[in-house]
Amino acid sequence: MRLRFELQPADALTFAEWADAYSLTAGQDGPADSPAGDGISNLEKYAFGLIPEQPYNPGSLFSMRIDAASGRIILRYEQSKRATDVRIIPIWSASLAEPVWNTASIETTRVGETDTHEIWEASKAMSDGACFMRLRFEL
């Protein structure tokens, strides 16, 4: 399933300006809040260029695949060009039981763009065994 991104307003915005533009109420306007109740934080929606009060399926925000030829796990995501003060940082861990998330050995490459988004791929060699990846968001 492909998400349809809706961006309003069209100008580049800081996170605070984005939250204000959507008239988010106090207690629902922070980076960790999720006004739609879908478990996707405002900061994540800001970074992806999504509407904060609209629910989305978290599994549709990025894709992951294994490249058998290179032995790499590849995480692909799109960052809104309008999100001016957020960093999306791919991180990995060898275990989910006691995860130690880090950025070591991840290669991140911009692979394309649309009018509204930059398309990124982050990859990590799986030569050391299990590899789990996710995205961290920072203002």
C-alpha atoms as a PDB file:
ATOM      1  CA  MET A   1       0.000   0.000   0.000  1.00  0.00           C
ATOM      2  CA  ARG A   2       1.376   3.411  -0.956  1.00  0.00           C
ATOM      3  CA  LEU A   3       0.609   6.417   1.230  1.00  0.00           C
ATOM      4  CA  ARG A   4      -0.735   9.575  -0.300  1.00  0.00           C
ATOM      5  CA  PHE A   5       1.048  12.459   1.346  1.00  0.00           C
ATOM      6  CA  GLU A   6      -0.924  15.644   1.876  1.00  0.00           C
ATOM      7  CA  LEU A   7       1.064  18.708   2.752  1.00  0.00           C
ATOM      8  CA  GLN A   8      -0.503  21.874   4.090  1.00  0.00           C
ATOM      9  CA  PRO A   9       0.621  24.589   4.188  1.00  0.00           C
ATOM     10  CA  ALA A  10       3.055  24.455   1.259  1.00  0.00           C
ATOM     11  CA  ASP A  11       5.845  26.469   2.901  1.00  0.00           C
ATOM     12  CA  ALA A  12       8.771  24.973   4.791  1.00  0.00           C
ATOM     13  CA  LEU A  13       8.014  24.886   8.509  1.00  0.00           C
ATOM     14  CA  THR A  14       9.775  24.203  11.775  1.00  0.00           C
ATOM     15  CA  PHE A  15       8.109  21.605  13.995  1.00  0.00           C
ATOM     16  CA  ALA A  16       6.534  24.313  16.189  1.00  0.00           C
ATOM     17  CA  GLU A  17       5.178  26.148  13.131  1.00  0.00           C
ATOM     18  CA  TRP A  18       3.834  22.853  11.728  1.00  0.00           C
ATOM     19  CA  ALA A  19       2.016  22.028  15.003  1.00  0.00           C
ATOM     20  CA  ASP A  20       0.600  25.567  15.113  1.00  0.00           C
ATOM     21  CA  ALA A  21      -0.480  25.409  11.448  1.00  0.00           C
ATOM     22  CA  TYR A  22      -2.619  22.355  12.268  1.00  0.00           C
ATOM     23  CA  SER A  23      -4.050  24.066  15.387  1.00  0.00           C
ATOM     24  CA  LEU A  24      -3.046  21.160  17.602  1.00  0.00           C
ATOM     25  CA  THR A  25      -4.376  21.612  21.115  1.00  0.00           C
ATOM     26  CA  ALA A  26      -2.205  21.718  24.228  1.00  0.00           C
ATOM     27  CA  GLY A  27      -1.346  18.178  25.263  1.00  0.00           C
ATOM     28  CA  GLN A  28      -1.558  17.015  21.651  1.00  0.00           C
ATOM     29  CA  ASP A  29       1.027  19.354  20.132  1.00  0.00           C
ATOM     30  CA  GLY A  30       4.292  17.883  21.434  1.00  0.00           C
ATOM     31  CA  PRO A  31       6.765  15.833  19.412  1.00  0.00           C
ATOM     32  CA  ALA A  32       5.850  12.568  21.193  1.00  0.00           C
ATOM     33  CA  ASP A  33       2.065  13.123  21.111  1.00  0.00           C
ATOM     34  CA  SER A  34      -0.174  11.192  18.705  1.00  0.00           C
ATOM     35  CA  PRO A  35      -3.482  13.059  18.260  1.00  0.00           C
ATOM     36  CA  ALA A  36      -4.803  10.442  15.838  1.00  0.00           C
ATOM     37  CA  GLY A  37      -4.156   7.663  18.363  1.00  0.00           C
ATOM     38  CA  ASP A  38      -2.332   5.586  15.745  1.00  0.00           C
ATOM     39  CA  GLY A  39       0.949   5.356  17.657  1.00  0.00           C
ATOM     40  CA  ILE A  40       2.760   7.553  15.140  1.00  0.00           C
ATOM     41  CA  SER A  41       4.180  10.583  16.914  1.00  0.00           C
ATOM     42  CA  ASN A  42       3.757  14.155  15.734  1.00  0.00           C
ATOM     43  CA  LEU A  43       7.503  14.316  15.113  1.00  0.00           C
ATOM     44  CA  GLU A  44       7.320  11.294  12.809  1.00  0.00           C
ATOM     45  CA  LYS A  45       4.319  12.738  10.954  1.00  0.00           C
ATOM     46  CA  TYR A  46       6.089  16.075  10.615  1.00  0.00           C
ATOM     47  CA  ALA A  47       9.206  14.358   9.196  1.00  0.00           C
ATOM     48  CA  PHE A  48       7.160  12.303   6.723  1.00  0.00           C
ATOM     49  CA  GLY A  49       4.884  15.197   5.709  1.00  0.00           C
ATOM     50  CA  LEU A  50       1.669  13.706   7.091  1.00  0.00           C
ATOM     51  CA  ILE A  51      -1.440  15.219   8.675  1.00  0.00           C
ATOM     52  CA  PRO A  52      -1.198  14.892  12.480  1.00  0.00           C
ATOM     53  CA  GLU A  53      -4.848  14.159  13.234  1.00  0.00           C
ATOM     54  CA  GLN A  54      -5.294  11.621  10.426  1.00  0.00           C
ATOM     55  CA  PRO A  55      -4.607   7.974  11.346  1.00  0.00           C
ATOM     56  CA  TYR A  56      -2.038   6.056   9.288  1.00  0.00           C
ATOM     57  CA  ASN A  57      -0.796   2.478   9.277  1.00  0.00           C
ATOM     58  CA  PRO A  58       2.703   2.546  10.849  1.00  0.00           C
ATOM     59  CA  GLY A  59       3.834  -0.274   8.547  1.00  0.00           C
ATOM     60  CA  SER A  60       3.258   1.855   5.464  1.00  0.00           C
ATOM     61  CA  LEU A  61       5.674   4.639   6.434  1.00  0.00           C
ATOM     62  CA  PHE A  62       8.777   2.843   5.159  1.00  0.00           C
ATOM     63  CA  SER A  63       9.765  -0.382   3.430  1.00  0.00           C
ATOM     64  CA  MET A  64      12.388  -2.942   4.267  1.00  0.00           C
ATOM     65  CA  ARG A  65      13.995  -5.626   2.137  1.00  0.00           C
ATOM     66  CA  ILE A  66      16.985  -7.936   2.034  1.00  0.00           C
ATOM     67  CA  ASP A  67      19.319  -7.649  -0.953  1.00  0.00           C
ATOM     68  CA  ALA A  68      20.545 -11.234  -1.319  1.00  0.00           C
ATOM     69  CA  ALA A  69      23.271 -10.257  -3.785  1.00  0.00           C
ATOM     70  CA  SER A  70      24.936  -7.824  -1.384  1.00  0.00           C
ATOM     71  CA  GLY A  71      23.852  -9.462   1.876  1.00  0.00           C
ATOM     72  CA  ARG A  72      22.445  -6.146   3.125  1.00  0.00           C
ATOM     73  CA  ILE A  73      19.199  -5.201   4.833  1.00  0.00           C
ATOM     74  CA  ILE A  74      17.776  -2.050   3.237  1.00  0.00           C
ATOM     75  CA  LEU A  75      15.318   0.369   4.839  1.00  0.00           C
ATOM     76  CA  ARG A  76      13.705   2.892   2.451  1.00  0.00           C
ATOM     77  CA  TYR A  77      11.833   6.015   3.583  1.00  0.00           C
ATOM     78  CA  GLU A  78      10.735   9.417   2.343  1.00  0.00           C
ATOM     79  CA  GLN A  79      11.441  12.648   4.220  1.00  0.00           C
ATOM     80  CA  SER A  80       9.338  15.752   3.645  1.00  0.00           C
ATOM     81  CA  LYS A  81      11.292  18.633   2.147  1.00  0.00           C
ATOM     82  CA  ARG A  82       9.130  20.949   4.248  1.00  0.00           C
ATOM     83  CA  ALA A  83      10.305  19.512   7.574  1.00  0.00           C
ATOM     84  CA  THR A  84      13.235  21.853   8.147  1.00  0.00           C
ATOM     85  CA  ASP A  85      14.380  21.021  11.671  1.00  0.00           C
ATOM     86  CA  VAL A  86      14.100  17.251  12.024  1.00  0.00           C
ATOM     87  CA  ARG A  87      16.695  14.560  11.451  1.00  0.00           C
ATOM     88  CA  ILE A  88      15.743  11.002  10.550  1.00  0.00           C
ATOM     89  CA  ILE A  89      18.481   8.676  11.743  1.00  0.00           C
ATOM     90  CA  PRO A  90      18.492   4.993  10.760  1.00  0.00           C
ATOM     91  CA  ILE A  91      19.666   2.777  13.624  1.00  0.00           C
ATOM     92  CA  TRP A  92      20.152  -0.964  14.080  1.00  0.00           C
ATOM     93  CA  SER A  93      20.456  -3.640  16.740  1.00  0.00           C
ATOM     94  CA  ALA A  94      21.503  -7.290  16.635  1.00  0.00           C
ATOM     95  CA  SER A  95      18.777  -8.219  19.139  1.00  0.00           C
ATOM     96  CA  LEU A  96      15.247  -7.198  20.016  1.00  0.00           C
ATOM     97  CA  ALA A  97      15.352  -9.013  23.362  1.00  0.00           C
ATOM     98  CA  GLU A  98      17.936  -6.569  24.770  1.00  0.00           C
ATOM     99  CA  PRO A  99      18.419  -4.047  21.968  1.00  0.00           C
ATOM    100  CA  VAL A 100      21.452  -1.829  21.772  1.00  0.00           C
ATOM    101  CA  TRP A 101      20.561   0.633  19.010  1.00  0.00           C
ATOM    102  CA  ASN A 102      23.406   2.291  17.123  1.00  0.00           C
ATOM    103  CA  THR A 103      24.358   3.897  13.827  1.00  0.00           C
ATOM    104  CA  ALA A 104      27.667   2.090  13.238  1.00  0.00           C
ATOM    105  CA  SER A 105      28.135   0.536   9.778  1.00  0.00           C
ATOM    106  CA  ILE A 106      24.934   1.972   8.302  1.00  0.00           C
ATOM    107  CA  GLU A 107      25.230   3.474   4.841  1.00  0.00           C
ATOM    108  CA  THR A 108      22.586   6.118   4.105  1.00  0.00           C
ATOM    109  CA  THR A 109      22.072   7.339   0.548  1.00  0.00           C
ATOM    110  CA  ARG A 110      19.602   9.716  -1.047  1.00  0.00           C
ATOM    111  CA  VAL A 111      18.257   7.687  -3.973  1.00  0.00           C
ATOM    112  CA  GLY A 112      15.713  10.097  -5.431  1.00  0.00           C
ATOM    113  CA  GLU A 113      13.197  12.807  -4.847  1.00  0.00           C
ATOM    114  CA  THR A 114       9.728  14.044  -5.731  1.00  0.00           C
ATOM    115  CA  ASP A 115       8.424  17.600  -5.626  1.00  0.00           C
ATOM    116  CA  THR A 116       7.691  17.190  -1.921  1.00  0.00           C
ATOM    117  CA  HIS A 117      10.005  14.454  -0.581  1.00  0.00           C
ATOM    118  CA  GLU A 118      13.557  13.169  -0.590  1.00  0.00           C
ATOM    119  CA  ILE A 119      13.796   9.380  -0.929  1.00  0.00           C
ATOM    120  CA  TRP A 120      16.449   7.703   1.235  1.00  0.00           C
ATOM    121  CA  GLU A 121      17.811   4.201   1.665  1.00  0.00           C
ATOM    122  CA  ALA A 122      19.766   3.047   4.687  1.00  0.00           C
ATOM    123  CA  SER A 123      21.562  -0.283   4.474  1.00  0.00           C
ATOM    124  CA  LYS A 124      23.577  -2.505   6.783  1.00  0.00           C
ATOM    125  CA  ALA A 125      25.572  -5.656   6.034  1.00  0.00           C
ATOM    126  CA  MET A 126      24.075  -8.737   7.656  1.00  0.00           C
ATOM    127  CA  SER A 127      27.411 -10.580   7.774  1.00  0.00           C
ATOM    128  CA  ASP A 128      27.434 -10.505  11.574  1.00  0.00           C
ATOM    129  CA  GLY A 129      24.111 -12.316  11.954  1.00  0.00           C
ATOM    130  CA  ALA A 130      20.734 -10.837  12.890  1.00  0.00           C
ATOM    131  CA  CYS A 131      20.077  -7.202  12.102  1.00  0.00           C
ATOM    132  CA  PHE A 132      17.016  -5.180  13.047  1.00  0.00           C
ATOM    133  CA  MET A 133      16.587  -1.617  11.789  1.00  0.00           C
ATOM    134  CA  ARG A 134      14.352   1.286  12.709  1.00  0.00           C
ATOM    135  CA  LEU A 135      14.282   5.072  12.427  1.00  0.00           C
ATOM    136  CA  ARG A 136      15.016   7.586  15.176  1.00  0.00           C
ATOM    137  CA  PHE A 137      13.712  11.154  14.885  1.00  0.00           C
ATOM    138  CA  GLU A 138      15.433  14.189  16.416  1.00  0.00           C
ATOM    139  CA  LEU A 139      14.650  17.892  16.461  1.00  0.00           C
END
